[in-house]
Each structure stands twice: as structure tokens, then as C-alpha cells.
């Protein structure tokens, strides 16, 4: 546990479609979800520019139809986002877009709490890479936050679940829990062991950072585009405004289909003055999205295999994320786990931020005994390693194969060391290319950074030994170091290329 800090520490669920912020209230002896400026407990992860000002949250989402090109939801990869209005142009990195959303949540918390907020725990998808984690840290820094910890979203939901069940005197001493977290833009599954004493041990994680409700919406939009093309012989696929209107209508229809078997989609003057009307059935929705649903179950199977657990050993299946309200998702999970009822006791939209607020309270030294006694043991989601070509004593491994240093699902924080030796006569430096991923081949994994160790004495090959050290902290962020044993010469690097923002860039953006 970190030392006690002053002020209230908050927990933030930074989602790709919606975000949420929560904090511990001593007065009420519990976590409370903090409403935004409009009084709502969840905020669209949406940023827009209207030519005069930057809009965030609901203000941004509400103008999306008339300003679709200058509106962006939580970004994922590393593009530069360009807003254009008449002759003026504004450019943002994904970290800057995320920081705008985080600052909005920070300000909402400060207004509600009546105090300045600095410390925060932020959640990330369990399957986020080191690059994405570092980018989130950068975004938090740009928003004026001290990030106490990054925590995986399903693990955060498990904290909420664990605290909820700890009050039940009839609960067994421990349970195996699978958290199925299907949101708007990402999908995570985590296998955990939760003890009544408050220890949460992550056994395995899996998921897909590009699978969620947005995918379901897009296939509905594509289906409607085809219907319009057949009826009217008009193609709306290149019309941004028309497609945005379709997307909004399809998202509403998707929600309606969770409570009804058929719903109409009606849009006046969709394209060239032509109205669009169709009926969308739940059966059609399930049919066109069958591939995505099957991927979800495949990830559950993979997670159980990685955790060396049979599905019959899972005591509880906890569902979180707005997309778990889809009947087909619940049906598939129930059937997969042989009729086991799904746990819906925690709020699907708020559980992740709730758990983050509990961890923030724990780390800051506040909260009641129940909060202070819980212990979290997490894992790294993806394997980390180096290009095998640097290794002299592994002739069975091809030059561009991935040599894993830390396998996925290793408990963190962790430190792993490996001894290597020079491969050539008079070799004076060692080059360590660091990768993350599960492929055998480095070219199919994510390149993180290169560490160059200079100052190796020029001797015949194999005489000089090097120690390579991988150190993953509690946030899941990697530090790599290498040392020449004979001289003690050492080089190290935190994988700062992950976020792609230098300290100078951070200073400039903040200004």
C-alpha cells in the first residue's frame, strides 16, 4: 500500500465510448459515482470542435450529426486527429484527446467534491499493450493527474464484486470468478480467485481491444446501407452525415432489441431527400453479428485454458459493460457454463469506476477496514521478449523468432533476468530489440523499443557475458536494462516510445 496522501483520490473508467468517475466518501462510508455537469453518471468519451471551442462529453455527442468530421470518440492507435473548420485546422494526438476527456472528469469530480483532485487510478482494457498503457499514463499527466496506478477493467470490476460479496456471511472462503466485460469498443475476460478475506488473484486475462458494441452497430449500418441501395439504387456509404444518422438510429435499435424482438428504423430525408424505413429483428441482429459473438466465447475458452481451469470449476460468472445487456450474449454465456446463472448484482456501467475508486482509496490510505485489507495480485496480459537473433547459445531458434522473457499471465510486479553472451569476435555492443505479443515471429508482434548496450570489451565471441533484465511494475509498464558482467557497464530504458510523447512534448501540450 502506498503512503497516505492528502485529498480525495478518484477512480476513472476511461472507456472508448463512455467514461465514469467515482470516489470514496468517508461521510457515507462507501464509494459513490460522481455525476457530470449534466447530472449523468456516465459521460460519452467524445470530443469535438465547432470552430470556436472544444466540446467534451454530451455537448460533443449532441452535435455529432451536424459536425461528424470534427467529432471523435476515444481513439485507439496512433493517428493524428485533425479537426477542420473553414480554413482553420487543429491537430491532436490520441493522448491529447484522452487527456481532454480525463480533465473533464477531473473537473466534474472537483466540482462535486468541493476540492482539488490530483491523484487517480485509471482503468484500461486488460489486453492493452505496453504502448497503450504508457499512452494512458501520458494522457493522465496531460490532464494534470498523478496516476497512482493503472488497473485492468475486469479486475477493477472484480474489486467491486469482491467488496459486494464480502458482506455475505454465507459466502465460501474463496471463489473462482470469471469476469466478462463487453463494452462499446473493447472486450475483456479475466479469470480470478477471490477470497473472503479480500485477496483478489488474477489467474489469466484475454480479450480483444477492437471488439465491442461499436462493431455490432457498424454491421447494422452496413446492412441498412445495402437495403437502401437495393430499394433506391443509391449508395450512402460515402456520405458522412447520412452514415452518422444511420449509426445513431442503429445504436438505438440495438438497445431496443434487448427488450423487444423487432424494432423500426425510420430516418427522414436520409439521402438526396429520400426517407429510409425498415424493420430490424433481433434474429437478423444475431445473424449478422454471429461471428463477433463466437469470438467472445473463443476468448473465454482461451482464458480458461491459460488459467488451467475447466469451466465447471468457475463458481461465478460476472458480466459488466453495456454490451452484456444484449440477450444473445447472456444466452451464449449461460449455455457455455451449463446453465449457470449470470451474476448481475453489480452495475454494468459503473462497476469498473467503482473498483478503481476502491483501489485509489486503498493506495491513498483512506477508507474503512474492508477497503484497506483487500490485496490485489494482477498479471501481465501479453508476453514480452526479444529478437532471438541476439542469443548465441540458441542455435535451434531462427534469427527473427521471438525469445520470450516474461510469458503472458505472469503475476506482476515481476523481474526476470537472462544471461547472454557475445555472438561475434570483438563485439563491442549488444542490441536488444524488445517485442510484445504471442506470435512465434517478431514481425507479427508489437515492437516496443531498442536498447543498445555499449562498452563491451573486444574479445573472442562467447567470452563476454551480459545480463538482460525485464522489470514490470504494478501498472504493467516495462523497464528493460542490460549489464556487461565483466565491467559493470549498464544501460536501461523504460519503454517510453510506447507513448511517443517526450517530456518536451508533454510540457508544450500542457502549456
Protein backbone atom coordinates (compact mmCIF):
# COMPACT_ATOMS: atom_id res chain seq x y z
CA UNK A 1 0.00 0.00 0.00
CA UNK A 2 1.26 3.50 -0.81
CA UNK A 3 1.72 6.10 1.88
CA UNK A 4 -1.30 8.15 2.91
CA UNK A 5 -1.89 11.12 0.62
CA UNK A 6 -3.85 14.30 1.20
CA UNK A 7 -7.13 14.96 -0.57
CA UNK A 8 -9.56 12.61 -2.27
CA UNK A 9 -8.21 10.13 -4.80
CA UNK A 10 -10.61 9.24 -7.60
CA UNK A 11 -11.17 6.20 -9.79
CA UNK A 12 -11.71 6.72 -13.51
CA UNK A 13 -13.11 4.25 -16.03
CA UNK A 14 -11.72 5.73 -19.26
CA UNK A 15 -13.81 3.92 -21.87
CA UNK A 16 -13.75 4.08 -25.64
CA UNK A 17 -17.44 5.04 -25.82
CA UNK A 18 -18.37 6.07 -22.26
CA UNK A 19 -16.39 7.08 -19.18
CA UNK A 20 -17.21 7.25 -15.48
CA UNK A 21 -15.59 8.66 -12.33
CA UNK A 22 -16.07 7.64 -8.69
CA UNK A 23 -14.66 8.41 -5.24
CA UNK A 24 -14.80 7.17 -1.65
CA UNK A 25 -16.95 9.26 0.71
CA UNK A 26 -15.94 8.98 4.36
CA UNK A 27 -19.22 10.59 5.38
CA UNK A 28 -21.23 7.77 3.81
CA UNK A 29 -18.53 5.10 4.27
CA UNK A 30 -18.86 3.98 0.66
CA UNK A 31 -17.94 4.67 -2.94
CA UNK A 32 -20.20 6.99 -4.88
CA UNK A 33 -20.38 7.53 -8.63
CA UNK A 34 -19.85 11.22 -9.41
CA UNK A 35 -22.30 12.88 -11.83
CA UNK A 36 -21.05 15.05 -14.68
CA UNK A 37 -22.06 18.65 -15.28
CA UNK A 38 -25.35 17.46 -16.80
CA UNK A 39 -26.12 15.29 -13.76
CA UNK A 40 -25.48 11.98 -15.52
CA UNK A 41 -23.25 9.27 -14.08
CA UNK A 42 -21.69 8.19 -17.38
CA UNK A 43 -20.11 10.58 -19.88
CA UNK A 44 -19.63 9.95 -23.61
CA UNK A 45 -15.92 9.62 -24.40
CA UNK A 46 -16.40 12.15 -27.15
CA UNK A 47 -14.51 15.28 -28.19
CA UNK A 48 -15.46 17.78 -30.90
CA UNK A 49 -14.51 21.19 -32.24
CA UNK A 50 -17.19 23.54 -33.54
CA UNK A 51 -14.82 26.16 -34.93
CA UNK A 52 -14.80 28.20 -31.72
CA UNK A 53 -14.33 25.79 -28.83
CA UNK A 54 -13.53 22.23 -27.89
CA UNK A 55 -16.62 20.32 -26.77
CA UNK A 56 -16.46 17.29 -24.47
CA UNK A 57 -18.88 14.55 -23.46
CA UNK A 58 -22.57 15.06 -24.10
CA UNK A 59 -22.01 18.50 -25.64
CA UNK A 60 -19.77 16.85 -28.24
CA UNK A 61 -22.03 13.88 -28.89
CA UNK A 62 -25.17 16.02 -29.23
CA UNK A 63 -23.75 17.86 -32.26
CA UNK A 64 -22.34 14.81 -33.99
CA UNK A 65 -24.90 14.73 -36.82
CA UNK A 66 -24.23 18.30 -37.97
CA UNK A 67 -20.48 18.09 -37.31
CA UNK A 68 -19.46 14.43 -37.90
CA UNK A 69 -16.00 15.12 -39.35
CA UNK A 70 -14.93 17.15 -36.33
CA UNK A 71 -16.10 14.67 -33.70
CA UNK A 72 -14.07 11.76 -32.37
CA UNK A 73 -14.70 9.04 -29.81
CA UNK A 74 -11.94 7.55 -27.64
CA UNK A 75 -9.13 6.82 -30.12
CA UNK A 76 -7.14 3.62 -30.12
CA UNK A 77 -3.98 3.62 -32.23
CA UNK A 78 -1.53 6.40 -33.07
CA UNK A 79 -3.02 8.65 -35.76
CA UNK A 80 -3.02 12.42 -35.58
CA UNK A 81 -6.62 13.59 -35.29
CA UNK A 82 -7.30 16.66 -37.44
CA UNK A 83 -10.26 18.97 -36.83
CA UNK A 84 -11.05 21.34 -39.72
CA UNK A 85 -13.39 24.33 -39.74
CA UNK A 86 -13.39 26.58 -42.80
CA UNK A 87 -9.69 27.48 -43.21
CA UNK A 88 -8.64 26.73 -39.63
CA UNK A 89 -7.14 23.42 -38.57
CA UNK A 90 -6.45 21.82 -35.18
CA UNK A 91 -4.32 18.69 -34.70
CA UNK A 92 -4.35 16.37 -31.71
CA UNK A 93 -2.63 13.15 -30.72
CA UNK A 94 -4.77 10.37 -29.19
CA UNK A 95 -3.14 11.14 -25.82
CA UNK A 96 -4.35 14.74 -26.07
CA UNK A 97 -7.90 13.63 -26.94
CA UNK A 98 -7.90 11.24 -23.96
CA UNK A 99 -6.48 13.97 -21.71
CA UNK A 100 -9.37 16.29 -22.66
CA UNK A 101 -11.84 13.62 -21.53
CA UNK A 102 -9.86 12.95 -18.34
CA UNK A 103 -9.67 16.65 -17.49
CA UNK A 104 -13.45 16.91 -17.95
CA UNK A 105 -13.96 14.04 -15.49
CA UNK A 106 -11.41 15.58 -13.09
CA UNK A 107 -13.27 18.90 -13.15
CA UNK A 108 -16.62 17.16 -12.56
CA UNK A 109 -15.12 15.40 -9.53
CA UNK A 110 -13.66 18.64 -8.18
CA UNK A 111 -17.00 20.43 -8.54
CA UNK A 112 -18.82 17.59 -6.77
CA UNK A 113 -16.24 17.10 -4.02
CA UNK A 114 -15.54 20.79 -3.48
CA UNK A 115 -11.78 20.24 -3.50
CA UNK A 116 -8.84 19.99 -5.86
CA UNK A 117 -8.27 16.46 -7.19
CA UNK A 118 -4.80 15.29 -8.18
CA UNK A 119 -4.47 11.55 -7.51
CA UNK A 120 -6.29 8.96 -9.58
CA UNK A 121 -6.45 5.29 -10.52
CA UNK A 122 -7.33 4.84 -14.20
CA UNK A 123 -8.64 1.63 -15.74
CA UNK A 124 -7.51 0.17 -19.06
CA UNK A 125 -8.66 -2.86 -21.05
CA UNK A 126 -6.95 -6.00 -19.72
CA UNK A 127 -5.49 -6.75 -23.14
CA UNK A 128 -3.91 -3.31 -23.57
CA UNK A 129 -0.31 -3.43 -24.75
CA UNK A 130 2.60 -1.67 -23.08
CA UNK A 131 2.27 1.06 -25.73
CA UNK A 132 -1.37 1.69 -24.90
CA UNK A 133 -0.71 1.68 -21.14
CA UNK A 134 2.08 4.22 -21.45
CA UNK A 135 -0.12 6.38 -23.69
CA UNK A 136 -2.80 6.33 -20.97
CA UNK A 137 -0.20 7.41 -18.40
CA UNK A 138 0.81 10.26 -20.73
CA UNK A 139 -2.84 11.31 -21.11
CA UNK A 140 -3.30 11.37 -17.34
CA UNK A 141 -0.24 13.54 -16.94
CA UNK A 142 -1.50 15.96 -19.60
CA UNK A 143 -4.81 16.20 -17.69
CA UNK A 144 -2.98 17.25 -14.53
CA UNK A 145 -3.43 13.93 -12.76
CA UNK A 146 -0.96 11.91 -10.73
CA UNK A 147 -1.67 8.35 -11.85
CA UNK A 148 -1.33 6.21 -8.74
CA UNK A 149 -2.00 3.01 -10.65
CA UNK A 150 -3.34 1.64 -13.92
CA UNK A 151 -5.69 -1.30 -13.35
CA UNK A 152 -7.30 -3.71 -15.79
CA UNK A 153 -11.01 -3.07 -16.28
CA UNK A 154 -12.31 -6.58 -15.41
CA UNK A 155 -10.02 -6.67 -12.37
CA UNK A 156 -11.49 -3.36 -11.26
CA UNK A 157 -14.99 -4.80 -11.70
CA UNK A 158 -13.87 -7.81 -9.64
CA UNK A 159 -12.92 -5.47 -6.79
CA UNK A 160 -16.44 -4.06 -6.85
CA UNK A 161 -17.83 -7.59 -6.88
CA UNK A 162 -15.45 -8.73 -4.13
CA UNK A 163 -16.42 -5.92 -1.77
CA UNK A 164 -20.06 -6.55 -2.53
CA UNK A 165 -19.81 -10.24 -1.58
CA UNK A 166 -17.54 -9.81 1.44
CA UNK A 167 -20.54 -8.70 3.49
CA UNK A 168 -22.29 -12.05 2.83
CA UNK A 169 -21.63 -14.30 5.83
CA UNK A 170 -22.72 -17.36 3.82
CA UNK A 171 -20.03 -16.91 1.15
CA UNK A 172 -17.37 -19.64 0.90
CA UNK A 173 -13.78 -18.78 1.83
CA UNK A 174 -12.87 -18.36 -1.84
CA UNK A 175 -14.42 -18.41 -5.29
CA UNK A 176 -13.22 -18.77 -8.86
CA UNK A 177 -14.78 -15.89 -10.76
CA UNK A 178 -14.83 -15.18 -14.49
CA UNK A 179 -15.44 -11.51 -15.34
CA UNK A 180 -16.88 -10.99 -18.83
CA UNK A 181 -16.52 -7.32 -19.76
CA UNK A 182 -18.00 -6.34 -23.12
CA UNK A 183 -18.15 -2.58 -23.63
CA UNK A 184 -18.62 -0.24 -26.54
CA UNK A 185 -15.16 -0.58 -28.04
CA UNK A 186 -13.24 -3.30 -26.19
CA UNK A 187 -13.78 -6.79 -24.84
CA UNK A 188 -12.01 -8.30 -21.83
CA UNK A 189 -12.30 -11.57 -19.98
CA UNK A 190 -10.49 -12.29 -16.73
CA UNK A 191 -10.28 -15.37 -14.56
CA UNK A 192 -9.78 -14.58 -10.88
CA UNK A 193 -9.75 -16.17 -7.46
CA UNK A 194 -11.41 -14.01 -4.82
CA UNK A 195 -11.06 -14.87 -1.14
CA UNK A 196 -13.48 -13.75 1.54
CA UNK A 197 -10.50 -12.21 3.34
CA UNK A 198 -10.16 -9.75 0.47
CA UNK A 199 -7.38 -11.15 -1.72
CA UNK A 200 -8.04 -10.91 -5.45
CA UNK A 201 -5.68 -13.08 -7.51
CA UNK A 202 -5.82 -12.80 -11.30
CA UNK A 203 -5.18 -16.17 -12.92
CA UNK A 204 -5.44 -15.25 -16.61
CA UNK A 205 -6.69 -12.49 -18.90
CA UNK A 206 -7.74 -12.34 -22.52
CA UNK A 207 -9.74 -10.23 -24.89
CA UNK A 208 -9.77 -8.05 -27.96
CA UNK A 209 -9.12 -4.30 -27.90
CA UNK A 210 -11.12 -3.91 -31.13
CA UNK A 211 -14.33 -5.77 -30.27
CA UNK A 212 -17.41 -4.22 -28.70
CA UNK A 213 -20.79 -2.61 -29.24
CA UNK A 214 -19.41 -0.34 -31.95
CA UNK A 215 -18.76 -3.43 -34.10
CA UNK A 216 -22.38 -4.54 -33.74
CA UNK A 217 -23.57 -1.05 -34.68
CA UNK A 218 -21.34 -0.95 -37.77
CA UNK A 219 -22.68 -4.24 -39.15
CA UNK A 220 -26.21 -2.93 -38.64
CA UNK A 221 -25.27 0.24 -40.54
CA UNK A 222 -23.75 -1.82 -43.37
CA UNK A 223 -26.94 -3.88 -43.56
CA UNK A 224 -29.08 -0.73 -43.77
CA UNK A 225 -26.82 0.74 -46.46
CA UNK A 226 -27.42 -2.38 -48.55
CA UNK A 227 -31.18 -2.21 -48.02
CA UNK A 228 -31.23 1.45 -49.12
CA UNK A 229 -29.10 0.61 -52.16
CA UNK A 230 -31.49 -2.16 -53.24
CA UNK A 231 -34.62 -0.07 -52.67
CA UNK A 232 -33.48 3.26 -54.05
CA UNK A 233 -30.41 2.39 -56.14
CA UNK A 234 -28.47 4.98 -54.10
CA UNK A 235 -25.19 4.42 -52.24
CA UNK A 236 -24.91 6.37 -48.97
CA UNK A 237 -21.66 4.72 -47.87
CA UNK A 238 -19.55 7.77 -48.83
CA UNK A 239 -21.85 10.34 -47.23
CA UNK A 240 -20.51 11.02 -43.73
CA UNK A 241 -23.61 12.78 -42.42
CA UNK A 242 -26.02 10.12 -43.69
CA UNK A 243 -23.89 7.33 -42.23
CA UNK A 244 -23.73 9.11 -38.88
CA UNK A 245 -27.53 9.42 -38.81
CA UNK A 246 -27.76 5.72 -39.63
CA UNK A 247 -25.29 4.87 -36.88
CA UNK A 248 -27.28 6.75 -34.26
CA UNK A 249 -30.52 5.08 -35.39
CA UNK A 250 -28.89 1.64 -35.40
CA UNK A 251 -27.42 2.11 -31.94
CA UNK A 252 -30.88 2.97 -30.62
CA UNK A 253 -32.37 -0.02 -32.43
CA UNK A 254 -29.72 -2.29 -30.92
CA UNK A 255 -30.71 -1.12 -27.44
CA UNK A 256 -34.40 -1.56 -28.21
CA UNK A 257 -33.77 -5.13 -29.40
CA UNK A 258 -32.62 -6.06 -25.89
CA UNK A 259 -36.24 -5.75 -24.76
CA UNK A 260 -38.20 -6.46 -27.95
CA UNK A 261 -37.88 -8.92 -30.84
CA UNK A 262 -38.39 -6.32 -33.58
CA UNK A 263 -38.00 -2.56 -33.91
CA UNK A 264 -38.39 0.00 -36.72
CA UNK A 265 -35.60 2.20 -38.07
CA UNK A 266 -37.02 5.40 -39.60
CA UNK A 267 -34.97 8.35 -40.89
CA UNK A 268 -36.47 11.30 -42.74
CA UNK A 269 -34.52 12.58 -45.76
CA UNK A 270 -31.60 10.23 -45.22
CA UNK A 271 -30.03 10.93 -48.63
CA UNK A 272 -30.98 13.21 -51.52
CA UNK A 273 -34.35 13.87 -49.91
CA UNK A 274 -35.26 10.16 -49.73
CA UNK A 275 -36.66 8.74 -46.48
CA UNK A 276 -35.42 5.43 -45.10
CA UNK A 277 -37.66 2.93 -43.31
CA UNK A 278 -37.04 -0.68 -42.36
CA UNK A 279 -37.77 -3.16 -39.62
CA UNK A 280 -34.88 -4.78 -37.78
CA UNK A 281 -35.44 -8.05 -35.94
CA UNK A 282 -33.44 -9.49 -33.07
CA UNK A 283 -32.91 -12.61 -35.18
CA UNK A 284 -31.35 -10.55 -38.00
CA UNK A 285 -29.17 -8.70 -35.48
CA UNK A 286 -27.91 -12.00 -34.07
CA UNK A 287 -27.37 -13.44 -37.54
CA UNK A 288 -25.19 -10.61 -38.88
CA UNK A 289 -23.16 -10.45 -35.66
CA UNK A 290 -22.75 -14.21 -35.16
CA UNK A 291 -19.03 -14.01 -35.94
CA UNK A 292 -18.42 -11.47 -33.18
CA UNK A 293 -20.44 -13.47 -30.65
CA UNK A 294 -18.43 -16.59 -31.48
CA UNK A 295 -15.18 -14.63 -30.98
CA UNK A 296 -16.34 -13.72 -27.47
CA UNK A 297 -16.82 -17.35 -26.49
CA UNK A 298 -13.49 -18.27 -28.10
CA UNK A 299 -11.76 -15.74 -25.84
CA UNK A 300 -13.50 -17.22 -22.80
CA UNK A 301 -12.20 -20.66 -23.78
CA UNK A 302 -8.67 -19.30 -24.26
CA UNK A 303 -8.72 -17.57 -20.89
CA UNK A 304 -9.83 -20.74 -19.09
CA UNK A 305 -7.11 -22.71 -20.85
CA UNK A 306 -4.45 -20.15 -19.92
CA UNK A 307 -5.64 -20.26 -16.32
CA UNK A 308 -5.56 -24.10 -16.28
CA UNK A 309 -9.18 -24.23 -15.22
CA UNK A 310 -12.17 -26.18 -16.52
CA UNK A 311 -15.38 -24.24 -16.93
CA UNK A 312 -17.05 -26.47 -14.33
CA UNK A 313 -14.61 -25.05 -11.75
CA UNK A 314 -15.87 -21.49 -12.26
CA UNK A 315 -18.12 -20.60 -9.33
CA UNK A 316 -19.44 -17.28 -10.61
CA UNK A 317 -19.71 -15.54 -13.97
CA UNK A 318 -19.86 -11.76 -13.55
CA UNK A 319 -20.96 -9.62 -16.51
CA UNK A 320 -20.09 -5.93 -16.89
CA UNK A 321 -20.10 -3.46 -19.77
CA UNK A 322 -23.12 -2.11 -21.60
CA UNK A 323 -22.99 -4.70 -24.39
CA UNK A 324 -23.65 -7.54 -21.92
CA UNK A 325 -27.26 -6.37 -21.92
CA UNK A 326 -27.62 -7.99 -25.36
CA UNK A 327 -29.77 -11.13 -24.85
CA UNK A 328 -27.66 -13.26 -27.20
CA UNK A 329 -24.52 -12.53 -25.16
CA UNK A 330 -26.19 -13.64 -21.95
CA UNK A 331 -27.71 -16.70 -23.65
CA UNK A 332 -24.34 -17.83 -25.02
CA UNK A 333 -22.60 -17.45 -21.66
CA UNK A 334 -25.35 -19.29 -19.79
CA UNK A 335 -25.23 -22.17 -22.28
CA UNK A 336 -21.42 -22.29 -22.25
CA UNK A 337 -21.40 -22.61 -18.46
CA UNK A 338 -24.08 -25.34 -18.49
CA UNK A 339 -26.97 -23.20 -17.30
CA UNK A 340 -25.11 -21.37 -14.54
CA UNK A 341 -26.97 -18.11 -13.68
CA UNK A 342 -25.01 -14.99 -14.52
CA UNK A 343 -24.13 -12.54 -11.75
CA UNK A 344 -25.74 -9.17 -12.46
CA UNK A 345 -25.54 -7.77 -8.94
CA UNK A 346 -23.05 -5.02 -9.83
CA UNK A 347 -23.97 -2.13 -12.11
CA UNK A 348 -22.73 -2.92 -15.63
CA UNK A 349 -21.90 0.73 -16.39
CA UNK A 350 -20.47 1.77 -13.02
CA UNK A 351 -18.66 -1.29 -11.63
CA UNK A 352 -15.31 -0.54 -13.26
CA UNK A 353 -15.04 3.02 -11.92
CA UNK A 354 -16.32 1.78 -8.54
CA UNK A 355 -13.48 -0.73 -8.26
CA UNK A 356 -10.95 1.90 -9.39
CA UNK A 357 -12.15 4.25 -6.65
CA UNK A 358 -11.74 1.47 -4.07
CA UNK A 359 -8.15 0.88 -5.20
CA UNK A 360 -7.46 4.64 -5.18
CA UNK A 361 -8.77 4.81 -1.61
CA UNK A 362 -6.65 1.80 -0.63
CA UNK A 363 -3.49 3.32 -2.13
CA UNK A 364 -4.13 6.71 -0.52
CA UNK A 365 -4.56 5.21 2.94
CA UNK A 366 -8.19 6.19 3.48
CA UNK A 367 -11.37 4.12 3.68
CA UNK A 368 -12.66 1.57 6.15
CA UNK A 369 -11.01 -1.67 7.24
CA UNK A 370 -12.65 -3.63 4.44
CA UNK A 371 -11.12 -1.31 1.84
CA UNK A 372 -7.70 -1.23 3.47
CA UNK A 373 -7.48 -5.00 3.93
CA UNK A 374 -8.01 -6.09 0.33
CA UNK A 375 -4.98 -7.26 -1.66
CA UNK A 376 -4.74 -7.25 -5.47
CA UNK A 377 -2.45 -9.63 -7.39
CA UNK A 378 -2.63 -8.93 -11.14
CA UNK A 379 -0.90 -10.39 -14.22
CA UNK A 380 0.71 -9.13 -17.43
CA UNK A 381 -1.65 -9.69 -20.38
CA UNK A 382 0.87 -10.23 -23.19
CA UNK A 383 4.25 -11.97 -23.50
CA UNK A 384 7.37 -9.80 -23.58
CA UNK A 385 10.67 -10.76 -25.15
CA UNK A 386 13.49 -10.00 -27.55
CA UNK A 387 14.52 -10.98 -31.04
CA UNK A 388 16.17 -14.40 -30.78
CA UNK A 389 19.00 -13.38 -33.11
CA UNK A 390 20.88 -11.73 -30.21
CA UNK A 391 21.31 -15.05 -28.45
CA UNK A 392 24.45 -17.05 -29.15
CA UNK A 393 23.56 -20.29 -27.40
CA UNK A 394 20.15 -20.91 -29.01
CA UNK A 395 21.02 -22.26 -32.45
CA UNK A 396 17.67 -24.05 -32.62
CA UNK A 397 15.90 -20.69 -32.76
CA UNK A 398 15.62 -18.75 -36.02
CA UNK A 399 17.10 -15.26 -36.29
CA UNK A 400 13.76 -13.44 -36.22
CA UNK A 401 11.92 -15.65 -33.76
CA UNK A 402 10.57 -14.21 -30.52
CA UNK A 403 12.51 -15.25 -27.43
CA UNK A 404 10.03 -14.80 -24.56
CA UNK A 405 11.48 -13.30 -21.37
CA UNK A 406 8.21 -12.84 -19.47
CA UNK A 407 5.28 -15.06 -20.56
CA UNK A 408 1.74 -13.66 -20.58
CA UNK A 409 -0.28 -14.09 -17.37
CA UNK A 410 2.85 -13.78 -15.21
CA UNK A 411 1.93 -12.16 -11.85
CA UNK A 412 3.06 -8.53 -11.60
CA UNK A 413 5.07 -6.68 -10.47
CA UNK A 414 7.86 -9.02 -11.59
CA UNK A 415 11.55 -9.07 -12.52
CA UNK A 416 13.12 -11.61 -14.89
CA UNK A 417 16.82 -11.86 -15.72
CA UNK A 418 18.55 -13.74 -18.54
CA UNK A 419 22.27 -14.22 -19.23
CA UNK A 420 23.50 -13.78 -22.81
CA UNK A 421 26.93 -13.87 -24.40
CA UNK A 422 28.60 -12.17 -27.35
CA UNK A 423 27.98 -13.80 -30.73
CA UNK A 424 30.93 -12.38 -32.68
CA UNK A 425 34.64 -11.81 -32.22
CA UNK A 426 35.39 -8.28 -30.98
CA UNK A 427 31.71 -7.48 -30.44
CA UNK A 428 31.59 -4.12 -28.61
CA UNK A 429 27.85 -3.62 -28.16
CA UNK A 430 24.67 -5.59 -27.63
CA UNK A 431 21.43 -4.64 -29.40
CA UNK A 432 18.21 -5.72 -27.70
CA UNK A 433 15.01 -5.29 -29.75
CA UNK A 434 12.05 -5.62 -27.37
CA UNK A 435 8.69 -7.02 -28.54
CA UNK A 436 5.27 -7.78 -27.10
CA UNK A 437 2.82 -10.39 -28.36
CA UNK A 438 2.03 -14.07 -28.73
CA UNK A 439 3.35 -14.88 -32.20
CA UNK A 440 6.44 -17.01 -32.67
CA UNK A 441 7.73 -14.38 -35.11
CA UNK A 442 8.80 -10.90 -34.04
CA UNK A 443 7.42 -9.35 -37.25
CA UNK A 444 3.91 -10.34 -36.13
CA UNK A 445 4.33 -8.87 -32.66
CA UNK A 446 4.48 -5.25 -31.45
CA UNK A 447 7.93 -3.66 -31.49
CA UNK A 448 8.34 -1.64 -28.29
CA UNK A 449 11.87 -0.25 -28.24
CA UNK A 450 15.56 -0.90 -28.82
CA UNK A 451 18.17 -0.95 -26.03
CA UNK A 452 21.83 -0.62 -27.07
CA UNK A 453 24.45 -1.71 -24.54
CA UNK A 454 27.84 -0.16 -25.40
CA UNK A 455 31.24 -0.66 -23.81
CA UNK A 456 31.67 -4.41 -24.21
CA UNK A 457 35.40 -5.29 -24.20
CA UNK A 458 36.63 -6.57 -27.59
CA UNK A 459 37.30 -10.29 -27.03
CA UNK A 460 36.67 -13.59 -28.87
CA UNK A 461 32.96 -14.46 -29.20
CA UNK A 462 31.31 -16.06 -26.22
CA UNK A 463 33.77 -14.65 -23.66
CA UNK A 464 31.74 -11.59 -22.65
CA UNK A 465 28.53 -12.18 -20.70
CA UNK A 466 25.55 -9.81 -20.47
CA UNK A 467 22.60 -9.81 -18.08
CA UNK A 468 19.28 -8.68 -19.57
CA UNK A 469 16.62 -7.67 -17.03
CA UNK A 470 12.90 -7.13 -17.66
CA UNK A 471 11.08 -5.32 -14.83
CA UNK A 472 7.29 -4.88 -15.00
CA UNK A 473 5.77 -2.54 -12.42
CA UNK A 474 2.31 -2.69 -10.87
CA UNK A 475 0.92 -0.62 -13.76
CA UNK A 476 2.07 -3.25 -16.24
CA UNK A 477 4.72 -0.91 -17.70
CA UNK A 478 8.07 -2.39 -18.67
CA UNK A 479 11.61 -1.27 -17.80
CA UNK A 480 14.44 -3.03 -19.62
CA UNK A 481 18.10 -2.96 -18.55
CA UNK A 482 21.28 -4.74 -19.66
CA UNK A 483 24.71 -5.02 -18.00
CA UNK A 484 28.16 -6.23 -19.06
CA UNK A 485 29.21 -8.58 -16.26
CA UNK A 486 32.96 -8.07 -16.66
CA UNK A 487 32.85 -4.25 -16.47
CA UNK A 488 29.58 -3.45 -14.72
CA UNK A 489 28.65 -1.13 -17.60
CA UNK A 490 24.85 -0.81 -17.61
CA UNK A 491 22.10 0.70 -19.74
CA UNK A 492 18.38 0.84 -19.02
CA UNK A 493 15.20 2.25 -20.50
CA UNK A 494 11.55 2.48 -19.66
CA UNK A 495 9.63 1.77 -22.83
CA UNK A 496 8.87 5.47 -23.36
CA UNK A 497 8.49 5.02 -27.12
CA UNK A 498 5.20 3.38 -26.18
CA UNK A 499 3.50 6.69 -25.60
CA UNK A 500 5.53 8.54 -28.25
CA UNK A 501 5.41 11.72 -26.18
CA UNK A 502 8.71 13.16 -24.98
CA UNK A 503 8.92 15.25 -21.81
CA UNK A 504 9.33 18.32 -24.01
CA UNK A 505 6.16 17.44 -25.93
CA UNK A 506 4.23 16.96 -22.68
CA UNK A 507 5.37 20.41 -21.45
CA UNK A 508 4.37 22.02 -24.75
CA UNK A 509 0.94 20.39 -24.84
CA UNK A 510 0.22 21.29 -21.21
CA UNK A 511 1.12 24.92 -21.94
